[in-house]
Protein backbone atom coordinates (compact mmCIF):
# COMPACT_ATOMS: atom_id res chain seq x y z
CA MET A 1 -58.16 46.81 -53.57
CA ILE A 2 -61.24 47.71 -55.66
CA ARG A 3 -60.59 51.41 -55.08
CA ALA A 4 -56.91 51.02 -56.03
CA MET A 5 -57.90 49.19 -59.19
CA SER A 6 -60.33 51.96 -60.09
CA GLU A 7 -57.72 54.67 -59.53
CA ALA A 8 -55.17 52.79 -61.63
CA ALA A 9 -57.68 52.27 -64.44
CA ARG A 10 -58.69 55.93 -64.42
CA ASP A 11 -55.03 56.96 -64.55
CA LEU A 12 -54.59 54.65 -67.55
CA ILE A 13 -57.53 56.37 -69.24
CA ASP A 14 -55.90 59.76 -68.66
CA PHE A 15 -52.59 58.46 -70.02
CA ILE A 16 -54.20 57.13 -73.20
CA ASP A 17 -56.19 60.29 -73.84
CA ARG A 18 -52.98 62.33 -73.58
CA SER A 19 -51.20 60.01 -76.05
CA PRO A 20 -52.83 60.02 -79.50
CA THR A 21 -49.47 59.25 -81.17
CA PRO A 22 -46.16 57.67 -80.11
CA TYR A 23 -44.64 61.17 -79.95
CA HIS A 24 -47.33 62.39 -77.59
CA ALA A 25 -46.99 59.19 -75.55
CA VAL A 26 -43.26 59.82 -75.07
CA SER A 27 -43.99 63.45 -74.15
CA GLU A 28 -46.50 62.27 -71.53
CA VAL A 29 -44.06 59.65 -70.22
CA ALA A 30 -41.37 62.32 -69.90
CA ARG A 31 -43.79 64.55 -67.97
CA ARG A 32 -44.56 61.74 -65.54
CA LEU A 33 -40.88 60.91 -65.18
CA HIS A 34 -40.12 64.53 -64.29
CA GLU A 35 -42.74 64.32 -61.57
CA GLY A 36 -40.97 61.18 -60.32
CA GLY A 37 -37.60 62.91 -60.03
CA PHE A 38 -36.09 61.92 -63.39
CA SER A 39 -34.15 64.37 -65.58
CA GLU A 40 -33.36 64.21 -69.28
CA LEU A 41 -30.12 63.18 -70.93
CA ALA A 42 -29.15 63.70 -74.57
CA GLU A 43 -27.51 60.94 -76.58
CA ARG A 44 -25.05 63.46 -78.02
CA ASP A 45 -23.69 64.40 -74.59
CA ARG A 46 -21.14 62.63 -72.41
CA TRP A 47 -22.93 60.82 -69.60
CA THR A 48 -21.56 61.30 -66.09
CA LEU A 49 -23.66 59.20 -63.74
CA SER A 50 -23.72 58.10 -60.10
CA PRO A 51 -25.65 55.45 -58.13
CA GLY A 52 -29.26 56.48 -57.60
CA ASP A 53 -29.37 58.78 -60.63
CA ARG A 54 -32.81 58.80 -62.27
CA ARG A 55 -32.52 59.84 -65.92
CA TYR A 56 -34.12 59.31 -69.30
CA VAL A 57 -33.21 59.71 -72.96
CA VAL A 58 -35.43 60.03 -76.05
CA ARG A 59 -34.66 58.78 -79.54
CA GLY A 60 -36.63 59.69 -82.64
CA ASP A 61 -39.36 61.38 -80.54
CA GLY A 62 -41.28 58.08 -80.34
CA SER A 63 -38.96 55.96 -78.16
CA ILE A 64 -37.73 56.57 -74.62
CA LEU A 65 -35.30 54.84 -72.25
CA ALA A 66 -35.61 55.64 -68.54
CA PHE A 67 -33.39 54.26 -65.78
CA GLU A 68 -32.36 54.42 -62.16
CA LEU A 69 -28.79 53.32 -61.45
CA GLY A 70 -28.28 50.82 -58.64
CA ALA A 71 -25.81 50.83 -55.76
CA LYS A 72 -23.42 48.51 -57.61
CA ALA A 73 -21.94 48.62 -61.09
CA PRO A 74 -24.10 46.85 -63.72
CA ALA A 75 -21.32 44.33 -64.35
CA GLU A 76 -21.71 43.25 -60.72
CA ALA A 77 -25.50 43.42 -60.34
CA GLY A 78 -27.08 43.54 -63.81
CA PHE A 79 -30.19 45.24 -65.19
CA HIS A 80 -33.89 44.74 -64.53
CA VAL A 81 -35.52 45.87 -67.78
CA ILE A 82 -39.17 46.29 -68.77
CA GLY A 83 -39.88 46.81 -72.46
CA ALA A 84 -43.04 47.84 -74.29
CA HIS A 85 -43.97 49.75 -77.45
CA THR A 86 -45.55 53.15 -78.02
CA ASP A 87 -47.06 52.64 -81.49
CA SER A 88 -50.45 51.24 -82.50
CA PRO A 89 -52.01 50.36 -85.87
CA ASN A 90 -53.68 53.37 -87.48
CA LEU A 91 -54.07 55.45 -90.66
CA ARG A 92 -51.08 57.67 -91.46
CA LEU A 93 -50.91 60.51 -93.95
CA LYS A 94 -48.90 60.20 -97.14
CA PRO A 95 -46.36 62.98 -97.87
CA SER A 96 -48.50 64.60 -100.59
CA ALA A 97 -51.77 64.06 -98.80
CA ASP A 98 -54.16 66.56 -100.40
CA VAL A 99 -56.75 64.94 -102.67
CA THR A 100 -59.84 66.45 -104.30
CA ALA A 101 -62.56 64.29 -105.84
CA HIS A 102 -66.20 64.84 -106.81
CA GLY A 103 -66.62 68.00 -104.77
CA TYR A 104 -64.74 66.83 -101.64
CA ARG A 105 -61.31 67.46 -100.15
CA GLN A 106 -59.74 64.29 -98.81
CA LEU A 107 -56.40 63.18 -97.35
CA ALA A 108 -54.41 60.27 -98.74
CA VAL A 109 -53.58 57.78 -96.01
CA GLU A 110 -51.61 54.55 -95.66
CA PRO A 111 -52.47 51.78 -93.19
CA TYR A 112 -49.79 51.44 -90.51
CA GLY A 113 -49.46 47.97 -89.02
CA GLY A 114 -52.07 45.23 -89.02
CA LEU A 115 -55.12 47.35 -88.32
CA LEU A 116 -58.72 46.13 -88.58
CA LEU A 117 -59.58 48.57 -91.35
CA HIS A 118 -63.35 48.27 -91.13
CA THR A 119 -63.31 49.54 -87.53
CA TRP A 120 -62.14 52.95 -88.78
CA LEU A 121 -65.32 53.56 -90.77
CA ASP A 122 -67.85 56.14 -89.55
CA ARG A 123 -65.62 57.32 -86.71
CA ASP A 124 -65.01 60.94 -85.74
CA LEU A 125 -61.29 61.19 -86.40
CA SER A 126 -58.72 63.85 -85.65
CA LEU A 127 -55.08 64.29 -86.67
CA ALA A 128 -51.98 64.39 -84.49
CA GLY A 129 -48.25 63.83 -84.83
CA ARG A 130 -45.12 65.89 -85.40
CA VAL A 131 -44.25 68.59 -87.90
CA SER A 132 -40.89 69.78 -89.21
CA LEU A 133 -40.93 73.52 -89.85
CA GLU A 134 -38.51 76.28 -90.76
CA GLU A 135 -38.13 79.28 -88.51
CA SER A 136 -35.65 82.15 -88.42
CA ALA A 137 -33.37 80.09 -86.15
CA GLY A 138 -33.52 77.06 -88.46
CA LEU A 139 -35.50 73.83 -88.63
CA ARG A 140 -37.29 72.45 -85.61
CA THR A 141 -39.78 69.68 -84.94
CA CYS A 142 -42.88 70.19 -82.82
CA LEU A 143 -45.93 68.22 -81.80
CA VAL A 144 -49.39 69.00 -83.12
CA ASP A 145 -52.85 67.71 -82.20
CA PHE A 146 -56.05 69.07 -83.76
CA GLU A 147 -58.04 67.70 -80.79
CA ARG A 148 -61.37 67.88 -82.65
CA PRO A 149 -63.36 65.89 -85.20
CA LEU A 150 -61.63 66.62 -88.51
CA LEU A 151 -61.83 63.48 -90.66
CA ARG A 152 -64.26 60.68 -91.39
CA VAL A 153 -64.20 57.57 -93.59
CA PRO A 154 -67.91 57.10 -94.40
CA ASN A 155 -69.49 53.76 -95.13
CA LEU A 156 -71.35 53.26 -98.38
CA ALA A 157 -75.13 53.28 -97.87
CA ILE A 158 -76.75 49.85 -97.93
CA HIS A 159 -79.08 51.11 -100.71
CA LEU A 160 -76.03 51.36 -103.00
CA PHE A 161 -74.43 48.17 -101.69
CA ARG A 162 -77.11 45.48 -101.62
CA GLU A 163 -74.53 42.73 -102.21
CA LEU A 164 -73.03 43.44 -98.77
CA ARG A 165 -75.42 40.92 -97.16
CA GLU A 166 -74.25 38.08 -99.40
CA GLN A 167 -70.61 39.00 -100.02
CA GLY A 168 -69.62 40.71 -96.79
CA LEU A 169 -67.53 43.85 -96.48
CA LYS A 170 -64.33 43.86 -98.53
CA LEU A 171 -62.29 47.03 -98.26
CA ASP A 172 -59.51 48.18 -100.56
CA ALA A 173 -57.12 50.28 -98.47
CA GLN A 174 -56.18 52.43 -101.46
CA GLN A 175 -59.72 53.15 -102.66
CA HIS A 176 -62.07 52.82 -99.69
CA ALA A 177 -60.11 54.23 -96.72
CA VAL A 178 -59.50 57.80 -97.93
CA PRO A 179 -61.01 60.08 -95.27
CA LEU A 180 -63.03 63.20 -96.01
CA LEU A 181 -61.53 66.44 -94.74
CA GLY A 182 -64.19 68.80 -96.05
CA LEU A 183 -65.78 70.11 -99.22
CA GLU A 184 -63.43 70.94 -102.06
CA ASN A 185 -63.11 74.59 -101.00
CA ALA A 186 -61.64 73.56 -97.62
CA ALA A 187 -58.08 74.69 -96.90
CA PRO A 188 -55.29 72.30 -97.89
CA LEU A 189 -53.44 70.39 -95.21
CA ARG A 190 -50.42 72.64 -94.75
CA GLU A 191 -52.63 75.70 -94.29
CA LEU A 192 -54.62 73.84 -91.67
CA LEU A 193 -51.42 72.81 -89.94
CA ALA A 194 -50.08 76.38 -89.90
CA SER A 195 -53.37 77.63 -88.40
CA GLU A 196 -53.41 74.85 -85.80
CA LEU A 197 -49.81 75.48 -84.73
CA ALA A 198 -50.69 79.15 -84.25
CA ARG A 199 -53.85 78.26 -82.30
CA GLN A 200 -51.85 76.01 -79.97
CA GLY A 201 -49.28 78.74 -79.46
CA THR A 202 -46.56 76.48 -80.86
CA ALA A 203 -45.43 78.54 -83.85
CA GLU A 204 -46.42 81.37 -86.17
CA VAL A 205 -45.35 80.10 -89.58
CA ALA A 206 -46.57 80.18 -93.15
CA ALA A 207 -47.81 76.98 -94.75
CA SER A 208 -44.73 77.04 -97.00
CA ALA A 209 -42.48 76.79 -93.91
CA ILE A 210 -43.80 73.31 -93.11
CA HIS A 211 -41.28 70.96 -94.71
CA GLY A 212 -42.39 67.57 -93.42
CA PHE A 213 -44.75 65.76 -91.09
CA ASP A 214 -45.56 62.43 -89.48
CA LEU A 215 -49.31 62.64 -88.96
CA MET A 216 -51.81 59.98 -88.04
CA ALA A 217 -55.56 59.76 -87.58
CA TYR A 218 -57.07 58.87 -84.22
CA ASP A 219 -60.56 58.44 -82.81
CA VAL A 220 -61.57 61.52 -80.81
CA GLN A 221 -63.84 59.49 -78.51
CA GLY A 222 -62.02 59.32 -75.20
CA ALA A 223 -61.16 56.21 -73.26
CA THR A 224 -63.81 55.14 -70.80
CA LEU A 225 -64.78 52.62 -68.15
CA ALA A 226 -67.71 50.47 -69.28
CA GLY A 227 -69.76 47.44 -68.31
CA ALA A 228 -72.30 46.72 -65.58
CA ASN A 229 -69.68 47.31 -62.87
CA ASP A 230 -67.10 49.38 -64.80
CA GLU A 231 -65.19 46.16 -65.36
CA PHE A 232 -64.00 47.11 -68.84
CA VAL A 233 -61.70 49.76 -70.23
CA ASN A 234 -62.79 50.73 -73.75
CA ALA A 235 -60.16 52.78 -75.53
CA ALA A 236 -58.00 53.25 -78.56
CA ARG A 237 -54.36 52.15 -78.42
CA LEU A 238 -54.64 49.82 -75.43
CA ASP A 239 -52.18 47.74 -77.44
CA ASN A 240 -49.74 48.81 -76.24
CA LEU A 241 -50.15 52.01 -74.25
CA ALA A 242 -51.60 49.98 -71.38
CA SER A 243 -48.25 48.22 -71.00
CA CYS A 244 -46.33 51.50 -71.36
CA HIS A 245 -48.47 52.94 -68.58
CA ALA A 246 -47.87 49.96 -66.29
CA ALA A 247 -44.12 50.02 -66.91
CA ILE A 248 -43.59 53.72 -66.37
CA THR A 249 -45.89 53.80 -63.33
CA ALA A 250 -43.84 51.00 -61.78
CA LEU A 251 -40.56 52.81 -62.44
CA ALA A 252 -41.52 56.38 -61.64
CA GLY A 253 -43.31 55.41 -58.44
CA GLY A 254 -40.84 52.73 -57.43
CA ALA A 255 -38.46 54.61 -55.15
CA THR A 256 -37.29 52.43 -52.26
CA GLU A 257 -35.76 53.30 -48.89
CA THR A 258 -32.69 51.25 -49.76
CA LEU A 259 -31.27 51.55 -53.27
CA PRO A 260 -31.09 48.09 -54.85
CA ASP A 261 -27.78 46.84 -56.20
CA PHE A 262 -29.09 46.45 -59.77
CA ALA A 263 -30.05 49.12 -62.29
CA ARG A 264 -33.75 49.50 -63.14
CA LEU A 265 -34.81 50.40 -66.67
CA VAL A 266 -37.89 50.88 -68.84
CA ILE A 267 -37.59 51.09 -72.61
CA LEU A 268 -40.56 52.02 -74.76
CA HIS A 269 -39.95 51.45 -78.47
CA ASP A 270 -41.66 52.87 -81.51
CA HIS A 271 -42.36 50.82 -84.67
CA GLU A 272 -43.10 47.43 -83.10
CA GLU A 273 -46.26 47.12 -85.19
CA VAL A 274 -44.24 47.24 -88.42
CA GLY A 275 -41.36 44.95 -87.48
CA SER A 276 -39.10 47.12 -85.25
CA ARG A 277 -36.40 47.47 -87.92
CA THR A 278 -35.68 51.16 -87.35
CA ALA A 279 -33.17 53.26 -85.44
CA GLN A 280 -35.60 53.64 -82.54
CA GLY A 281 -37.25 50.23 -82.89
CA ALA A 282 -36.35 47.15 -80.87
CA ALA A 283 -34.23 45.81 -83.73
CA GLY A 284 -32.21 49.02 -83.63
CA SER A 285 -29.41 49.86 -81.24
CA PHE A 286 -31.26 52.06 -78.72
CA LEU A 287 -31.41 49.60 -75.83
CA GLU A 288 -27.95 48.18 -76.50
CA ASP A 289 -26.44 51.67 -76.70
CA GLY A 290 -28.09 52.67 -73.45
CA LEU A 291 -27.01 49.58 -71.53
CA ALA A 292 -23.44 49.86 -72.86
CA ARG A 293 -23.21 53.48 -71.78
CA LEU A 294 -24.45 52.63 -68.28
CA VAL A 295 -21.83 49.89 -68.01
CA SER A 296 -19.18 52.31 -69.24
CA ALA A 297 -20.30 55.04 -66.83
CA ALA A 298 -19.55 52.65 -63.97
CA GLY A 299 -15.96 52.26 -65.17
CA ASP A 300 -16.24 49.02 -67.20
CA THR A 301 -15.16 50.20 -70.63
CA GLY A 302 -14.46 46.84 -72.26
CA SER A 303 -16.83 44.30 -73.80
CA GLU A 304 -16.43 42.00 -70.79
CA GLY A 305 -18.30 44.43 -68.54
CA MET A 306 -21.32 44.43 -70.84
CA ALA A 307 -21.34 40.63 -71.10
CA ARG A 308 -21.14 40.27 -67.33
CA ALA A 309 -23.99 42.74 -66.86
CA ILE A 310 -26.22 40.95 -69.38
CA SER A 311 -25.59 37.61 -67.67
CA ARG A 312 -27.10 39.05 -64.49
CA SER A 313 -30.06 40.68 -66.21
CA MET A 314 -33.62 39.99 -67.31
CA LEU A 315 -36.18 41.64 -69.56
CA ILE A 316 -39.94 41.62 -69.11
CA SER A 317 -41.46 42.23 -72.53
CA ALA A 318 -44.88 43.69 -71.73
CA ASP A 319 -47.40 43.60 -74.57
CA MET A 320 -51.12 42.95 -74.48
CA ALA A 321 -52.46 39.38 -74.63
CA HIS A 322 -55.49 37.77 -76.28
CA ALA A 323 -58.40 37.20 -73.90
CA VAL A 324 -60.78 34.41 -74.84
CA HIS A 325 -63.57 35.77 -77.02
CA PRO A 326 -66.94 34.36 -75.91
CA ASN A 327 -68.23 34.33 -79.51
CA TYR A 328 -65.08 32.74 -80.94
CA ALA A 329 -63.83 30.49 -78.14
CA ASP A 330 -62.86 27.84 -80.71
CA ARG A 331 -60.03 30.15 -81.88
CA HIS A 332 -58.26 29.69 -78.54
CA GLU A 333 -56.16 26.79 -77.31
CA PRO A 334 -58.04 24.75 -74.67
CA GLY A 335 -56.51 25.24 -71.26
CA HIS A 336 -54.94 28.55 -72.33
CA ARG A 337 -57.90 30.91 -72.50
CA PRO A 338 -57.14 34.07 -70.51
CA VAL A 339 -60.12 35.94 -69.09
CA ILE A 340 -60.45 39.69 -68.74
CA GLY A 341 -60.30 40.67 -65.08
CA ALA A 342 -58.30 37.61 -64.00
CA GLY A 343 -54.84 39.16 -64.03
CA PRO A 344 -51.53 39.11 -65.94
CA VAL A 345 -50.94 36.63 -68.77
CA ILE A 346 -47.68 34.79 -69.48
CA LYS A 347 -47.25 34.18 -73.22
CA ALA A 348 -45.31 31.22 -74.61
CA ASN A 349 -44.59 29.84 -78.08
CA ALA A 350 -42.51 26.79 -78.93
CA ASN A 351 -41.34 28.44 -82.15
CA GLN A 352 -40.05 31.46 -80.21
CA SER A 353 -42.52 34.09 -81.36
CA TYR A 354 -42.47 34.78 -77.63
CA ALA A 355 -39.19 34.60 -75.70
CA SER A 356 -40.53 33.09 -72.47
CA ASP A 357 -38.84 29.96 -71.13
CA ALA A 358 -39.00 27.88 -67.97
CA VAL A 359 -36.56 30.08 -66.06
CA THR A 360 -38.13 33.43 -66.90
CA ILE A 361 -41.68 32.09 -66.55
CA GLY A 362 -40.68 30.75 -63.15
CA HIS A 363 -39.42 34.13 -61.98
CA PHE A 364 -42.46 36.05 -63.21
CA SER A 365 -44.79 33.46 -61.66
CA ALA A 366 -42.95 33.73 -58.35
CA LEU A 367 -43.36 37.52 -58.41
CA CYS A 368 -47.09 37.10 -59.05
CA ARG A 369 -47.63 34.55 -56.32
CA GLY A 370 -45.66 36.66 -53.86
CA LEU A 371 -48.40 39.24 -54.38
CA GLU A 372 -51.16 36.59 -54.19
CA ILE A 373 -51.79 36.98 -57.93
CA GLU A 374 -52.30 33.84 -60.01
CA PRO A 375 -50.91 34.34 -63.52
CA GLN A 376 -52.81 33.21 -66.58
CA HIS A 377 -51.23 31.53 -69.61
CA PHE A 378 -51.62 31.92 -73.36
CA VAL A 379 -50.39 29.89 -76.31
CA THR A 380 -51.74 30.06 -79.85
CA ARG A 381 -53.56 27.08 -81.32
CA SER A 382 -51.19 24.79 -83.22
CA ASP A 383 -53.10 25.38 -86.47
CA LEU A 384 -52.93 29.18 -86.24
CA GLY A 385 -50.07 31.61 -86.69
CA CYS A 386 -48.67 33.44 -83.69
CA GLY A 387 -48.01 37.16 -83.34
CA SER A 388 -44.77 38.38 -81.81
CA THR A 389 -43.35 41.19 -79.67
CA ILE A 390 -40.16 43.07 -78.96
CA GLY A 391 -39.23 40.21 -76.60
CA PRO A 392 -37.58 37.81 -79.07
CA ILE A 393 -35.94 40.72 -80.91
CA SER A 394 -34.30 42.13 -77.79
CA ALA A 395 -33.42 38.67 -76.48
CA ALA A 396 -31.66 37.74 -79.70
CA ARG A 397 -29.90 41.08 -80.14
CA LEU A 398 -28.55 41.31 -76.59
CA GLY A 399 -28.69 37.82 -75.09
CA LEU A 400 -31.16 39.00 -72.44
CA ARG A 401 -33.23 36.38 -70.63
CA THR A 402 -36.79 37.39 -71.41
CA VAL A 403 -40.37 36.65 -70.48
CA ASP A 404 -43.33 37.83 -72.58
CA VAL A 405 -46.36 38.95 -70.59
CA GLY A 406 -49.39 41.18 -70.96
CA ASN A 407 -52.87 41.93 -69.76
CA PRO A 408 -55.78 40.18 -71.53
CA MET A 409 -57.83 42.16 -74.03
CA LEU A 410 -60.38 41.89 -76.83
CA SER A 411 -60.64 43.74 -80.17
CA MET A 412 -56.86 43.90 -80.57
CA HIS A 413 -55.88 46.19 -83.49
CA SER A 414 -59.36 47.66 -83.69
CA CYS A 415 -59.83 51.43 -83.77
CA ARG A 416 -61.17 50.95 -80.23
CA GLU A 417 -60.10 48.06 -78.04
CA MET A 418 -61.32 46.47 -74.81
CA ALA A 419 -59.49 45.38 -71.64
CA GLY A 420 -60.21 44.90 -67.94
CA SER A 421 -60.17 47.67 -65.35
CA ALA A 422 -59.32 45.14 -62.62
CA ASP A 423 -56.19 44.05 -64.51
CA VAL A 424 -54.47 47.44 -64.50
CA ALA A 425 -53.28 47.56 -60.88
CA PRO A 426 -52.03 43.92 -60.61
CA MET A 427 -49.72 44.33 -63.61
CA ILE A 428 -48.28 47.50 -62.09
CA GLN A 429 -47.76 45.64 -58.81
CA VAL A 430 -45.92 42.74 -60.48
CA LEU A 431 -43.71 45.05 -62.55
CA SER A 432 -42.95 47.07 -59.42
CA ALA A 433 -41.90 43.90 -57.64
CA PHE A 434 -39.64 42.98 -60.57
CA LEU A 435 -37.93 46.36 -60.26
CA ALA A 436 -37.50 45.96 -56.49
CA LEU A 437 -36.49 42.33 -55.92
CA PRO A 438 -33.52 40.16 -56.96
CA ILE A 439 -34.02 37.83 -59.92
CA GLN A 440 -34.65 34.23 -58.86
CA GLY A 441 -33.28 31.25 -60.74
CA ILE A 442 -30.63 33.16 -62.73
């Protein structure tokens, strides 16, 4: 078991290092799906599908829906769905990003999501994302990753900031988070992008041919195992690439000798960290469109087929959970203090920030105990606000029974986060069981 946990944790590290942005994460997921026998579909095409087909579809470059059709029509057997999100809080470039000030060239950035801004100071940062460029054949979008230290947001020296000791650090995102790119004679952004695209062999274009970009900073320090016994995974973007990794590993490696009756799906959404209200976010139509098309492909073209399928279905919303912090244990609800290394966490909230209920908690708990895994539980203190996930959004939009779960972690929304290496394999095992076994209690 220890060896399996280590292998799973090291595979997670590789997955994270290959996924500096949601677009790169989806590209890596697609690569792994291909290795697992999945082939790509396009939303614009007519879908002709048969039982056992393993396919996937991408929307907006940052969201992906992968599925394996079951032996029976979805209206007769339902869907087993795992959902997670590909995005993480970070610094993203503004459209006119070039800034020069006091002898330096900088890049204007905007905080994306609820990041801990101070954790981005004095880090070796690179840039990655997607670029829209014009070629002789027309416009196309391609991925780019500088893969080297390029940016830095330097702290102010204590000698010039004596009041820090008394007042603490207070950062203004507009004024204090503008990273340095170089001295003022450094090339502007679009010239750097054109050179980088040529270096990567992606495109030979002039800077003027770059018409748009979605670029974000990331810490170039790779993910690593840490601790006295390698019990920790220290990495950027654990929230929520760790859940994406668990979900796609369970699906891509989950072939069974006998095809189950139900359809198995994984959906990884972009834009969860900013509310999900986009075409490819959980509040958009991506999952609903996909499920409806699978119902239709089985011959149920009316609304009744979709309703029948949903009534037989369940969603596991997989997003990271708050481990108890040993220096701030008072911020956690007594009796609900998950520990790193102790396995999957079931998240509940009476005000429905999480979608878990008795039925879905019961099924997930039964899956855990069938694998001799004891689930942990998390609720937020009654005097603190509660974060949320794609779970309640998808549940409300589609009527899907849902349970919110995740592995415990510390430093959530930091530039670098911390989780448990021993927690990686058990979550994969439970999600694999969910994709293999009938739903109990529904």
